Amino acid sequence: MNYFWMIVPLVVAIYCIARAIVDIRSKNYVWAAFGLICGGFILTMPIETHAVKIDLPAPSSPSSLP
């Protein structure tokens, strides 16, 4: 279910950009600009992730390095 909410903004952004292309071809430049701006904002929206930190043990002596 989590992946669904990560894909939805991508689909909406693709729709906004595709609609902007259709508006450019029909010479509706104001609506095309709105579509491109909204699609760009949606694509730059940060997605919450969960970082995992792994602490590796330090080498026991400097001679053990390759």
PDB file of N, CA and C in Angstrom:
ATOM      1  N   MET A   1       0.825  -1.199   0.000  1.00  0.00           N
ATOM      2  CA  MET A   1       0.000   0.000   0.000  1.00  0.00           C
ATOM      3  C   MET A   1       0.863   1.253   0.000  1.00  0.00           C
ATOM      4  N   ASN A   2       2.047   1.167   0.595  1.00  0.00           N
ATOM      5  CA  ASN A   2       2.928   2.318   0.650  1.00  0.00           C
ATOM      6  C   ASN A   2       3.392   2.733  -0.734  1.00  0.00           C
ATOM      7  N   TYR A   3       3.657   1.752  -1.615  1.00  0.00           N
ATOM      8  CA  TYR A   3       4.130   2.070  -2.955  1.00  0.00           C
ATOM      9  C   TYR A   3       3.056   2.793  -3.759  1.00  0.00           C
ATOM     10  N   PHE A   4       1.805   2.515  -3.470  1.00  0.00           N
ATOM     11  CA  PHE A   4       0.709   3.190  -4.156  1.00  0.00           C
ATOM     12  C   PHE A   4       0.802   4.697  -3.970  1.00  0.00           C
ATOM     13  N   TRP A   5       1.075   5.152  -2.765  1.00  0.00           N
ATOM     14  CA  TRP A   5       1.133   6.584  -2.495  1.00  0.00           C
ATOM     15  C   TRP A   5       2.419   7.211  -3.010  1.00  0.00           C
ATOM     16  N   MET A   6       3.392   6.404  -3.402  1.00  0.00           N
ATOM     17  CA  MET A   6       4.580   6.941  -4.042  1.00  0.00           C
ATOM     18  C   MET A   6       4.377   7.062  -5.555  1.00  0.00           C
ATOM     19  N   ILE A   7       3.512   6.228  -6.121  1.00  0.00           N
ATOM     20  CA  ILE A   7       3.269   6.228  -7.562  1.00  0.00           C
ATOM     21  C   ILE A   7       2.221   7.266  -7.957  1.00  0.00           C
ATOM     22  N   VAL A   8       1.273   7.548  -7.089  1.00  0.00           N
ATOM     23  CA  VAL A   8       0.187   8.479  -7.413  1.00  0.00           C
ATOM     24  C   VAL A   8       0.706   9.857  -7.824  1.00  0.00           C
ATOM     25  N   PRO A   9       1.624  10.499  -7.085  1.00  0.00           N
ATOM     26  CA  PRO A   9       2.107  11.805  -7.544  1.00  0.00           C
ATOM     27  C   PRO A   9       2.818  11.739  -8.895  1.00  0.00           C
ATOM     28  N   LEU A  10       3.499  10.647  -9.162  1.00  0.00           N
ATOM     29  CA  LEU A  10       4.160  10.492 -10.456  1.00  0.00           C
ATOM     30  C   LEU A  10       3.145  10.435 -11.591  1.00  0.00           C
ATOM     31  N   VAL A  11       2.073   9.710 -11.390  1.00  0.00           N
ATOM     32  CA  VAL A  11       1.017   9.618 -12.405  1.00  0.00           C
ATOM     33  C   VAL A  11       0.355  10.979 -12.614  1.00  0.00           C
ATOM     34  N   VAL A  12       0.105  11.694 -11.535  1.00  0.00           N
ATOM     35  CA  VAL A  12      -0.514  13.021 -11.642  1.00  0.00           C
ATOM     36  C   VAL A  12       0.426  13.990 -12.362  1.00  0.00           C
ATOM     37  N   ALA A  13       1.705  13.928 -12.069  1.00  0.00           N
ATOM     38  CA  ALA A  13       2.673  14.809 -12.736  1.00  0.00           C
ATOM     39  C   ALA A  13       2.752  14.494 -14.221  1.00  0.00           C
ATOM     40  N   ILE A  14       2.752  13.223 -14.578  1.00  0.00           N
ATOM     41  CA  ILE A  14       2.770  12.839 -15.996  1.00  0.00           C
ATOM     42  C   ILE A  14       1.518  13.346 -16.692  1.00  0.00           C
ATOM     43  N   TYR A  15       0.366  13.252 -16.028  1.00  0.00           N
ATOM     44  CA  TYR A  15      -0.872  13.765 -16.619  1.00  0.00           C
ATOM     45  C   TYR A  15      -0.792  15.279 -16.820  1.00  0.00           C
ATOM     46  N   CYS A  16      -0.285  16.000 -15.834  1.00  0.00           N
ATOM     47  CA  CYS A  16      -0.174  17.460 -15.961  1.00  0.00           C
ATOM     48  C   CYS A  16       0.727  17.844 -17.132  1.00  0.00           C
ATOM     49  N   ILE A  17       1.844  17.152 -17.274  1.00  0.00           N
ATOM     50  CA  ILE A  17       2.767  17.468 -18.357  1.00  0.00           C
ATOM     51  C   ILE A  17       2.166  17.081 -19.713  1.00  0.00           C
ATOM     52  N   ALA A  18       1.492  15.937 -19.781  1.00  0.00           N
ATOM     53  CA  ALA A  18       0.844  15.533 -21.034  1.00  0.00           C
ATOM     54  C   ALA A  18      -0.264  16.510 -21.409  1.00  0.00           C
ATOM     55  N   ARG A  19      -1.017  16.949 -20.413  1.00  0.00           N
ATOM     56  CA  ARG A  19      -2.076  17.927 -20.687  1.00  0.00           C
ATOM     57  C   ARG A  19      -1.471  19.253 -21.142  1.00  0.00           C
ATOM     58  N   ALA A  20      -0.334  19.618 -20.604  1.00  0.00           N
ATOM     59  CA  ALA A  20       0.350  20.843 -21.015  1.00  0.00           C
ATOM     60  C   ALA A  20       0.780  20.750 -22.472  1.00  0.00           C
ATOM     61  N   ILE A  21       1.242  19.577 -22.893  1.00  0.00           N
ATOM     62  CA  ILE A  21       1.630  19.400 -24.295  1.00  0.00           C
ATOM     63  C   ILE A  21       0.425  19.550 -25.209  1.00  0.00           C
ATOM     64  N   VAL A  22      -0.705  18.989 -24.805  1.00  0.00           N
ATOM     65  CA  VAL A  22      -1.936  19.145 -25.593  1.00  0.00           C
ATOM     66  C   VAL A  22      -2.349  20.619 -25.647  1.00  0.00           C
ATOM     67  N   ASP A  23      -2.205  21.330 -24.530  1.00  0.00           N
ATOM     68  CA  ASP A  23      -2.559  22.750 -24.505  1.00  0.00           C
ATOM     69  C   ASP A  23      -1.619  23.585 -25.364  1.00  0.00           C
ATOM     70  N   ILE A  24      -0.341  23.220 -25.408  1.00  0.00           N
ATOM     71  CA  ILE A  24       0.589  23.955 -26.273  1.00  0.00           C
ATOM     72  C   ILE A  24       0.193  23.767 -27.736  1.00  0.00           C
ATOM     73  N   ARG A  25      -0.165  22.558 -28.113  1.00  0.00           N
ATOM     74  CA  ARG A  25      -0.554  22.297 -29.504  1.00  0.00           C
ATOM     75  C   ARG A  25      -1.841  23.006 -29.887  1.00  0.00           C
ATOM     76  N   SER A  26      -2.728  23.226 -28.908  1.00  0.00           N
ATOM     77  CA  SER A  26      -3.977  23.942 -29.202  1.00  0.00           C
ATOM     78  C   SER A  26      -3.852  25.436 -28.906  1.00  0.00           C
ATOM     79  N   LYS A  27      -2.611  25.902 -28.665  1.00  0.00           N
ATOM     80  CA  LYS A  27      -2.289  27.320 -28.456  1.00  0.00           C
ATOM     81  C   LYS A  27      -2.944  27.927 -27.217  1.00  0.00           C
ATOM     82  N   ASN A  28      -3.160  27.120 -26.206  1.00  0.00           N
ATOM     83  CA  ASN A  28      -3.620  27.610 -24.903  1.00  0.00           C
ATOM     84  C   ASN A  28      -2.387  27.717 -23.996  1.00  0.00           C
ATOM     85  N   TYR A  29      -1.605  28.757 -24.202  1.00  0.00           N
ATOM     86  CA  TYR A  29      -0.297  28.842 -23.557  1.00  0.00           C
ATOM     87  C   TYR A  29      -0.380  29.073 -22.051  1.00  0.00           C
ATOM     88  N   VAL A  30      -1.400  29.759 -21.581  1.00  0.00           N
ATOM     89  CA  VAL A  30      -1.532  29.989 -20.136  1.00  0.00           C
ATOM     90  C   VAL A  30      -1.803  28.672 -19.416  1.00  0.00           C
ATOM     91  N   TRP A  31      -2.723  27.876 -19.944  1.00  0.00           N
ATOM     92  CA  TRP A  31      -3.016  26.582 -19.325  1.00  0.00           C
ATOM     93  C   TRP A  31      -1.825  25.631 -19.443  1.00  0.00           C
ATOM     94  N   ALA A  32      -1.099  25.736 -20.543  1.00  0.00           N
ATOM     95  CA  ALA A  32       0.097  24.909 -20.704  1.00  0.00           C
ATOM     96  C   ALA A  32       1.143  25.272 -19.657  1.00  0.00           C
ATOM     97  N   ALA A  33       1.307  26.558 -19.400  1.00  0.00           N
ATOM     98  CA  ALA A  33       2.264  26.982 -18.377  1.00  0.00           C
ATOM     99  C   ALA A  33       1.839  26.481 -17.005  1.00  0.00           C
ATOM    100  N   PHE A  34       0.552  26.573 -16.693  1.00  0.00           N
ATOM    101  CA  PHE A  34       0.065  26.048 -15.409  1.00  0.00           C
ATOM    102  C   PHE A  34       0.326  24.548 -15.296  1.00  0.00           C
ATOM    103  N   GLY A  35       0.083  23.813 -16.366  1.00  0.00           N
ATOM    104  CA  GLY A  35       0.315  22.367 -16.343  1.00  0.00           C
ATOM    105  C   GLY A  35       1.776  22.021 -16.141  1.00  0.00           C
ATOM    106  N   LEU A  36       2.659  22.737 -16.834  1.00  0.00           N
ATOM    107  CA  LEU A  36       4.089  22.472 -16.679  1.00  0.00           C
ATOM    108  C   LEU A  36       4.578  22.842 -15.281  1.00  0.00           C
ATOM    109  N   ILE A  37       4.096  23.959 -14.760  1.00  0.00           N
ATOM    110  CA  ILE A  37       4.501  24.381 -13.410  1.00  0.00           C
ATOM    111  C   ILE A  37       4.007  23.386 -12.366  1.00  0.00           C
ATOM    112  N   CYS A  38       2.739  22.983 -12.466  1.00  0.00           N
ATOM    113  CA  CYS A  38       2.195  22.013 -11.495  1.00  0.00           C
ATOM    114  C   CYS A  38       2.903  20.672 -11.595  1.00  0.00           C
ATOM    115  N   GLY A  39       3.146  20.203 -12.818  1.00  0.00           N
ATOM    116  CA  GLY A  39       3.866  18.944 -12.995  1.00  0.00           C
ATOM    117  C   GLY A  39       5.272  19.023 -12.431  1.00  0.00           C
ATOM    118  N   GLY A  40       5.948  20.158 -12.643  1.00  0.00           N
ATOM    119  CA  GLY A  40       7.293  20.331 -12.098  1.00  0.00           C
ATOM    120  C   GLY A  40       7.301  20.367 -10.584  1.00  0.00           C
ATOM    121  N   PHE A  41       6.330  21.060  -9.992  1.00  0.00           N
ATOM    122  CA  PHE A  41       6.252  21.105  -8.528  1.00  0.00           C
ATOM    123  C   PHE A  41       5.991  19.720  -7.942  1.00  0.00           C
ATOM    124  N   ILE A  42       5.135  18.965  -8.587  1.00  0.00           N
ATOM    125  CA  ILE A  42       4.822  17.629  -8.079  1.00  0.00           C
ATOM    126  C   ILE A  42       6.050  16.723  -8.177  1.00  0.00           C
ATOM    127  N   LEU A  43       6.814  16.845  -9.279  1.00  0.00           N
ATOM    128  CA  LEU A  43       8.000  16.007  -9.431  1.00  0.00           C
ATOM    129  C   LEU A  43       9.108  16.365  -8.450  1.00  0.00           C
ATOM    130  N   THR A  44       9.158  17.618  -8.003  1.00  0.00           N
ATOM    131  CA  THR A  44      10.202  18.015  -7.056  1.00  0.00           C
ATOM    132  C   THR A  44       9.770  17.874  -5.599  1.00  0.00           C
ATOM    133  N   MET A  45       8.568  17.386  -5.363  1.00  0.00           N
ATOM    134  CA  MET A  45       8.081  17.200  -4.000  1.00  0.00           C
ATOM    135  C   MET A  45       8.855  16.070  -3.327  1.00  0.00           C
ATOM    136  N   PRO A  46       9.368  16.297  -2.124  1.00  0.00           N
ATOM    137  CA  PRO A  46      10.135  15.233  -1.464  1.00  0.00           C
ATOM    138  C   PRO A  46       9.234  14.083  -1.021  1.00  0.00           C
ATOM    139  N   ILE A  47       9.784  12.887  -1.086  1.00  0.00           N
ATOM    140  CA  ILE A  47       9.076  11.685  -0.664  1.00  0.00           C
ATOM    141  C   ILE A  47       9.738  11.180   0.611  1.00  0.00           C
ATOM    142  N   GLU A  48       8.940  10.938   1.621  1.00  0.00           N
ATOM    143  CA  GLU A  48       9.476  10.485   2.900  1.00  0.00           C
ATOM    144  C   GLU A  48      10.016   9.063   2.757  1.00  0.00           C
ATOM    145  N   THR A  49      11.227   8.881   3.221  1.00  0.00           N
ATOM    146  CA  THR A  49      11.831   7.559   3.210  1.00  0.00           C
ATOM    147  C   THR A  49      12.335   7.240   4.611  1.00  0.00           C
ATOM    148  N   HIS A  50      12.653   6.003   4.831  1.00  0.00           N
ATOM    149  CA  HIS A  50      13.171   5.575   6.124  1.00  0.00           C
ATOM    150  C   HIS A  50      14.617   5.147   5.925  1.00  0.00           C
ATOM    151  N   ALA A  51      15.523   5.914   6.497  1.00  0.00           N
ATOM    152  CA  ALA A  51      16.943   5.607   6.370  1.00  0.00           C
ATOM    153  C   ALA A  51      17.342   4.567   7.405  1.00  0.00           C
ATOM    154  N   VAL A  52      18.243   3.705   7.004  1.00  0.00           N
ATOM    155  CA  VAL A  52      18.759   2.681   7.898  1.00  0.00           C
ATOM    156  C   VAL A  52      20.246   2.948   8.081  1.00  0.00           C
ATOM    157  N   LYS A  53      20.680   3.048   9.327  1.00  0.00           N
ATOM    158  CA  LYS A  53      22.084   3.298   9.618  1.00  0.00           C
ATOM    159  C   LYS A  53      22.702   2.005  10.133  1.00  0.00           C
ATOM    160  N   ILE A  54      23.799   1.624   9.503  1.00  0.00           N
ATOM    161  CA  ILE A  54      24.511   0.413   9.911  1.00  0.00           C
ATOM    162  C   ILE A  54      25.898   0.823  10.356  1.00  0.00           C
ATOM    163  N   ASP A  55      26.241   0.510  11.605  1.00  0.00           N
ATOM    164  CA  ASP A  55      27.567   0.799  12.137  1.00  0.00           C
ATOM    165  C   ASP A  55      28.444  -0.435  11.960  1.00  0.00           C
ATOM    166  N   LEU A  56      29.510  -0.279  11.172  1.00  0.00           N
ATOM    167  CA  LEU A  56      30.447  -1.370  10.977  1.00  0.00           C
ATOM    168  C   LEU A  56      31.548  -1.274  12.019  1.00  0.00           C
ATOM    169  N   PRO A  57      32.074  -2.402  12.463  1.00  0.00           N
ATOM    170  CA  PRO A  57      33.139  -2.354  13.455  1.00  0.00           C
ATOM    171  C   PRO A  57      34.419  -1.781  12.832  1.00  0.00           C
ATOM    172  N   ALA A  58      35.179  -1.064  13.641  1.00  0.00           N
ATOM    173  CA  ALA A  58      36.444  -0.493  13.192  1.00  0.00           C
ATOM    174  C   ALA A  58      37.482  -1.595  13.035  1.00  0.00           C
ATOM    175  N   PRO A  59      38.425  -1.434  12.106  1.00  0.00           N
ATOM    176  CA  PRO A  59      39.474  -2.452  11.954  1.00  0.00           C
ATOM    177  C   PRO A  59      40.305  -2.546  13.231  1.00  0.00           C
ATOM    178  N   SER A  60      40.755  -3.739  13.541  1.00  0.00           N
ATOM    179  CA  SER A  60      41.477  -3.943  14.801  1.00  0.00           C
ATOM    180  C   SER A  60      42.873  -3.331  14.764  1.00  0.00           C
ATOM    181  N   SER A  61      43.522  -3.329  13.604  1.00  0.00           N
ATOM    182  CA  SER A  61      44.849  -2.722  13.505  1.00  0.00           C
ATOM    183  C   SER A  61      45.047  -2.185  12.089  1.00  0.00           C
ATOM    184  N   PRO A  62      45.908  -1.188  11.932  1.00  0.00           N
ATOM    185  CA  PRO A  62      46.136  -0.638  10.594  1.00  0.00           C
ATOM    186  C   PRO A  62      46.758  -1.636   9.622  1.00  0.00           C
ATOM    187  N   SER A  63      47.432  -2.655  10.109  1.00  0.00           N
ATOM    188  CA  SER A  63      48.058  -3.632   9.219  1.00  0.00           C
ATOM    189  C   SER A  63      47.034  -4.581   8.597  1.00  0.00           C
ATOM    190  N   SER A  64      45.807  -4.594   9.100  1.00  0.00           N
ATOM    191  CA  SER A  64      44.803  -5.497   8.555  1.00  0.00           C
ATOM    192  C   SER A  64      44.137  -4.927   7.305  1.00  0.00           C
ATOM    193  N   LEU A  65      44.450  -3.675   6.959  1.00  0.00           N
ATOM    194  CA  LEU A  65      43.897  -3.088   5.749  1.00  0.00           C
ATOM    195  C   LEU A  65      44.620  -3.640   4.528  1.00  0.00           C
ATOM    196  N   PRO A  66      43.931  -3.817   3.410  1.00  0.00           N
ATOM    197  CA  PRO A  66      44.588  -4.364   2.208  1.00  0.00           C
ATOM    198  C   PRO A  66      45.553  -3.414   1.575  1.00  0.00           C
TER     199      PRO A  66
END
